[in-house]
C-alpha atoms as a PDB file:
ATOM      1  CA  MET A   1      36.884 -31.536  17.657  1.00  0.00           C
ATOM      2  CA  VAL A   2      35.620 -28.075  18.643  1.00  0.00           C
ATOM      3  CA  PHE A   3      33.128 -27.866  21.486  1.00  0.00           C
ATOM      4  CA  GLY A   4      32.727 -24.105  21.762  1.00  0.00           C
ATOM      5  CA  ALA A   5      32.506 -22.450  18.371  1.00  0.00           C
ATOM      6  CA  ILE A   6      33.337 -18.767  18.248  1.00  0.00           C
ATOM      7  CA  THR A   7      30.542 -16.813  16.634  1.00  0.00           C
ATOM      8  CA  SER A   8      30.071 -13.151  16.016  1.00  0.00           C
ATOM      9  CA  ARG A   9      26.887 -11.248  15.416  1.00  0.00           C
ATOM     10  CA  ILE A  10      26.675  -9.968  11.870  1.00  0.00           C
ATOM     11  CA  PRO A  11      24.344  -6.976  11.496  1.00  0.00           C
ATOM     12  CA  HIS A  12      21.459  -7.283   9.086  1.00  0.00           C
ATOM     13  CA  PRO A  13      22.332  -5.729   5.684  1.00  0.00           C
ATOM     14  CA  LYS A  14      19.530  -3.143   5.981  1.00  0.00           C
ATOM     15  CA  ASN A  15      21.189  -1.718   9.080  1.00  0.00           C
ATOM     16  CA  PHE A  16      24.675  -1.238   7.619  1.00  0.00           C
ATOM     17  CA  GLY A  17      25.684   2.395   7.875  1.00  0.00           C
ATOM     18  CA  SER A  18      22.603   3.355   9.865  1.00  0.00           C
ATOM     19  CA  PRO A  19      23.178   3.192  13.611  1.00  0.00           C
ATOM     20  CA  ARG A  20      19.561   4.226  14.331  1.00  0.00           C
ATOM     21  CA  GLY A  21      17.920   1.514  12.198  1.00  0.00           C
ATOM     22  CA  LYS A  22      14.883   3.039  10.488  1.00  0.00           C
ATOM     23  CA  GLY A  23      15.771   6.619  11.298  1.00  0.00           C
ATOM     24  CA  GLU A  24      14.052   9.296  13.281  1.00  0.00           C
ATOM     25  CA  PRO A  25      10.235   9.299  13.305  1.00  0.00           C
ATOM     26  CA  LEU A  26       8.491  11.997  11.298  1.00  0.00           C
ATOM     27  CA  LEU A  27       7.082  15.007  13.069  1.00  0.00           C
ATOM     28  CA  PRO A  28       3.281  15.290  12.990  1.00  0.00           C
ATOM     29  CA  VAL A  29       3.662  18.386  10.794  1.00  0.00           C
ATOM     30  CA  ASP A  30       5.506  16.316   8.152  1.00  0.00           C
ATOM     31  CA  THR A  31       2.543  13.971   7.669  1.00  0.00           C
ATOM     32  CA  ILE A  32      -0.192  16.584   7.213  1.00  0.00           C
ATOM     33  CA  GLY A  33      -1.963  16.173   3.879  1.00  0.00           C
ATOM     34  CA  ASN A  34      -0.411  12.877   2.830  1.00  0.00           C
ATOM     35  CA  LEU A  35      -3.815  11.148   2.867  1.00  0.00           C
ATOM     36  CA  ASP A  36      -6.507  13.140   1.045  1.00  0.00           C
ATOM     37  CA  LYS A  37      -9.428  10.951   2.038  1.00  0.00           C
ATOM     38  CA  GLY A  38      -8.734  10.636   5.741  1.00  0.00           C
ATOM     39  CA  GLU A  39      -8.039   7.285   7.291  1.00  0.00           C
ATOM     40  CA  VAL A  40      -7.753   4.465   4.753  1.00  0.00           C
ATOM     41  CA  SER A  41      -8.527   0.769   4.920  1.00  0.00           C
ATOM     42  CA  HIS A  42      -7.783  -2.141   2.591  1.00  0.00           C
ATOM     43  CA  LEU A  43     -10.535  -3.970   0.738  1.00  0.00           C
ATOM     44  CA  ASN A  44      -9.840  -7.653   0.821  1.00  0.00           C
ATOM     45  CA  PHE A  45     -11.695  -9.673  -1.797  1.00  0.00           C
ATOM     46  CA  ARG A  46     -10.913 -11.896  -4.738  1.00  0.00           C
ATOM     47  CA  VAL A  47     -12.106 -11.560  -8.316  1.00  0.00           C
ATOM     48  CA  PRO A  48     -11.675 -13.843 -11.345  1.00  0.00           C
ATOM     49  CA  LYS A  49      -8.420 -13.325 -13.260  1.00  0.00           C
ATOM     50  CA  ALA A  50     -10.297 -12.300 -16.415  1.00  0.00           C
ATOM     51  CA  PHE A  51     -12.153  -9.548 -14.511  1.00  0.00           C
ATOM     52  CA  HIS A  52      -8.929  -8.347 -12.893  1.00  0.00           C
ATOM     53  CA  LYS A  53      -7.272  -8.106 -16.311  1.00  0.00           C
ATOM     54  CA  GLN A  54     -10.222  -6.164 -17.782  1.00  0.00           C
ATOM     55  CA  PHE A  55     -10.323  -3.854 -14.773  1.00  0.00           C
ATOM     56  CA  SER A  56      -6.581  -3.173 -14.954  1.00  0.00           C
ATOM     57  CA  ILE A  57      -6.641  -2.528 -18.711  1.00  0.00           C
ATOM     58  CA  PHE A  58      -9.622  -0.195 -18.324  1.00  0.00           C
ATOM     59  CA  ALA A  59      -7.869   1.812 -15.608  1.00  0.00           C
ATOM     60  CA  ILE A  60      -4.710   2.083 -17.715  1.00  0.00           C
ATOM     61  CA  THR A  61      -6.585   3.201 -20.836  1.00  0.00           C
ATOM     62  CA  GLN A  62      -8.393   5.856 -18.786  1.00  0.00           C
ATOM     63  CA  GLU A  63      -5.052   6.968 -17.265  1.00  0.00           C
ATOM     64  CA  LYS A  64      -6.449   6.430 -13.766  1.00  0.00           C
ATOM     65  CA  SER A  65      -5.478   4.277 -10.820  1.00  0.00           C
ATOM     66  CA  GLN A  66      -7.561   1.230 -10.041  1.00  0.00           C
ATOM     67  CA  THR A  67      -8.624   2.966  -6.832  1.00  0.00           C
ATOM     68  CA  GLU A  68      -9.934   5.970  -8.781  1.00  0.00           C
ATOM     69  CA  VAL A  69     -11.886   3.654 -11.109  1.00  0.00           C
ATOM     70  CA  LEU A  70     -13.397   1.864  -8.108  1.00  0.00           C
ATOM     71  CA  TYR A  71     -14.434   5.183  -6.483  1.00  0.00           C
ATOM     72  CA  GLU A  72     -16.069   6.393  -9.713  1.00  0.00           C
ATOM     73  CA  ALA A  73     -17.859   3.084 -10.279  1.00  0.00           C
ATOM     74  CA  PHE A  74     -19.193   3.075  -6.724  1.00  0.00           C
ATOM     75  CA  ASP A  75     -20.379   6.690  -7.026  1.00  0.00           C
ATOM     76  CA  LEU A  76     -22.256   5.846 -10.243  1.00  0.00           C
ATOM     77  CA  LEU A  77     -23.755   2.743  -8.631  1.00  0.00           C
ATOM     78  CA  LYS A  78     -25.034   4.814  -5.684  1.00  0.00           C
ATOM     79  CA  VAL A  79     -26.656   7.325  -8.081  1.00  0.00           C
ATOM     80  CA  ARG A  80     -28.213   4.473 -10.071  1.00  0.00           C
ATOM     81  CA  HIS A  81     -29.779   3.030  -6.956  1.00  0.00           C
ATOM     82  CA  GLU A  82     -30.534   6.467  -5.475  1.00  0.00           C
ATOM     83  CA  VAL A  83     -28.537   5.921  -2.311  1.00  0.00           C
ATOM     84  CA  GLY A  84     -27.345   9.060  -0.523  1.00  0.00           C
END
């Protein structure tokens, strides 16, 4: 019967070979221009699966991202309702 088991700490696989973990932080100069539209935020809403499929297929056939399709649709909606 063993009362005091000998254990060793095994490093997490992501940290093997990297003594600094995630690496050095980027310099502010390295991040300039990586976001064209300024600060971004996530939209968090649900849509029916059928709509999501139609939306995705439309974006693919137009060779655009879903974000680009959403921006264009919103711009057209603002023009339609004459909102600045």
